[in-house]
Amino acid sequence: MPNRVTFTGLAIGVLSLSFLLLGIGRPSVPIFDEYSYVTGARSFLNWTQDTNPEHPPLAKMLIAAAMKAAGDSPFGW
């Protein structure tokens, strides 16, 4: 019984992740507050002064880490 529950949970997780990742590259430009966070993350990567300190730095650091791993693209943002 626990194996069936585990399998069902994993199957639902993989299925929902595939649906969420389906259109991750669209749109190809930052929208709304993404512009502020992406430029802030770029400043972290370039070791320059943060251009918008009013936004939380943790979010910009996480975006910078994703950009470092996946590139400066919509997938990395």
Protein backbone atom coordinates (compact mmCIF):
# COMPACT_ATOMS: atom_id res chain seq x y z
CA MET A 1 0.00 0.00 0.00
CA PRO A 2 2.69 2.63 0.83
CA ASN A 3 4.42 1.92 -2.49
CA ARG A 4 1.25 2.74 -4.40
CA VAL A 5 0.78 5.99 -2.47
CA THR A 6 4.40 6.97 -3.07
CA PHE A 7 4.15 6.15 -6.77
CA THR A 8 0.92 8.12 -7.12
CA GLY A 9 2.44 11.14 -5.38
CA LEU A 10 5.54 11.04 -7.56
CA ALA A 11 3.48 10.62 -10.71
CA ILE A 12 1.31 13.62 -9.85
CA GLY A 13 4.42 15.67 -9.04
CA VAL A 14 6.17 14.81 -12.31
CA LEU A 15 3.02 15.44 -14.32
CA SER A 16 2.37 18.84 -12.75
CA LEU A 17 6.05 19.85 -13.11
CA SER A 18 5.95 18.99 -16.81
CA PHE A 19 2.86 21.17 -17.28
CA LEU A 20 4.45 24.05 -15.38
CA LEU A 21 7.71 23.87 -17.36
CA LEU A 22 5.91 23.65 -20.71
CA GLY A 23 5.87 27.39 -21.45
CA ILE A 24 8.62 28.62 -19.15
CA GLY A 25 10.43 30.50 -21.94
CA ARG A 26 7.41 32.63 -22.83
CA PRO A 27 7.38 35.60 -22.81
CA SER A 28 10.99 36.20 -23.71
CA VAL A 29 11.27 39.60 -22.00
CA PRO A 30 10.88 40.53 -18.32
CA ILE A 31 7.37 41.69 -17.42
CA PHE A 32 6.13 43.85 -14.53
CA ASP A 33 8.47 43.54 -11.53
CA GLU A 34 10.71 40.96 -13.20
CA TYR A 35 12.57 43.88 -14.78
CA SER A 36 13.60 45.15 -11.35
CA TYR A 37 14.60 41.74 -10.05
CA VAL A 38 16.50 40.68 -13.18
CA THR A 39 18.51 43.91 -13.31
CA GLY A 40 19.22 43.57 -9.60
CA ALA A 41 20.36 39.98 -10.11
CA ARG A 42 22.62 41.09 -12.95
CA SER A 43 24.19 43.66 -10.64
CA PHE A 44 24.93 40.88 -8.13
CA LEU A 45 26.54 38.81 -10.87
CA ASN A 46 28.65 41.74 -12.11
CA TRP A 47 29.68 42.82 -8.59
CA THR A 48 28.24 46.31 -9.15
CA GLN A 49 26.03 48.46 -6.95
CA ASP A 50 22.43 47.31 -6.59
CA THR A 51 20.29 49.55 -8.77
CA ASN A 52 17.09 49.00 -6.79
CA PRO A 53 17.71 48.37 -3.09
CA GLU A 54 13.99 48.68 -2.30
CA HIS A 55 13.41 45.13 -3.55
CA PRO A 56 14.40 42.19 -1.30
CA PRO A 57 17.99 41.07 -1.88
CA LEU A 58 17.32 37.37 -1.20
CA ALA A 59 15.04 37.09 -4.22
CA LYS A 60 17.63 38.80 -6.41
CA MET A 61 20.35 36.48 -5.09
CA LEU A 62 18.24 33.42 -5.89
CA ILE A 63 17.56 34.75 -9.38
CA ALA A 64 21.30 35.46 -9.79
CA ALA A 65 22.09 31.87 -8.77
CA ALA A 66 19.58 30.56 -11.31
CA MET A 67 21.03 32.85 -13.97
CA LYS A 68 24.51 31.57 -13.16
CA ALA A 69 23.32 27.97 -13.51
CA ALA A 70 20.93 28.27 -16.47
CA GLY A 71 22.13 31.42 -18.22
CA ASP A 72 20.73 34.91 -18.65
CA SER A 73 17.56 33.79 -20.38
CA PRO A 74 13.88 33.49 -19.48
CA PHE A 75 14.59 29.98 -18.21
CA GLY A 76 17.27 31.33 -15.89
CA TRP A 77 15.13 34.20 -14.62
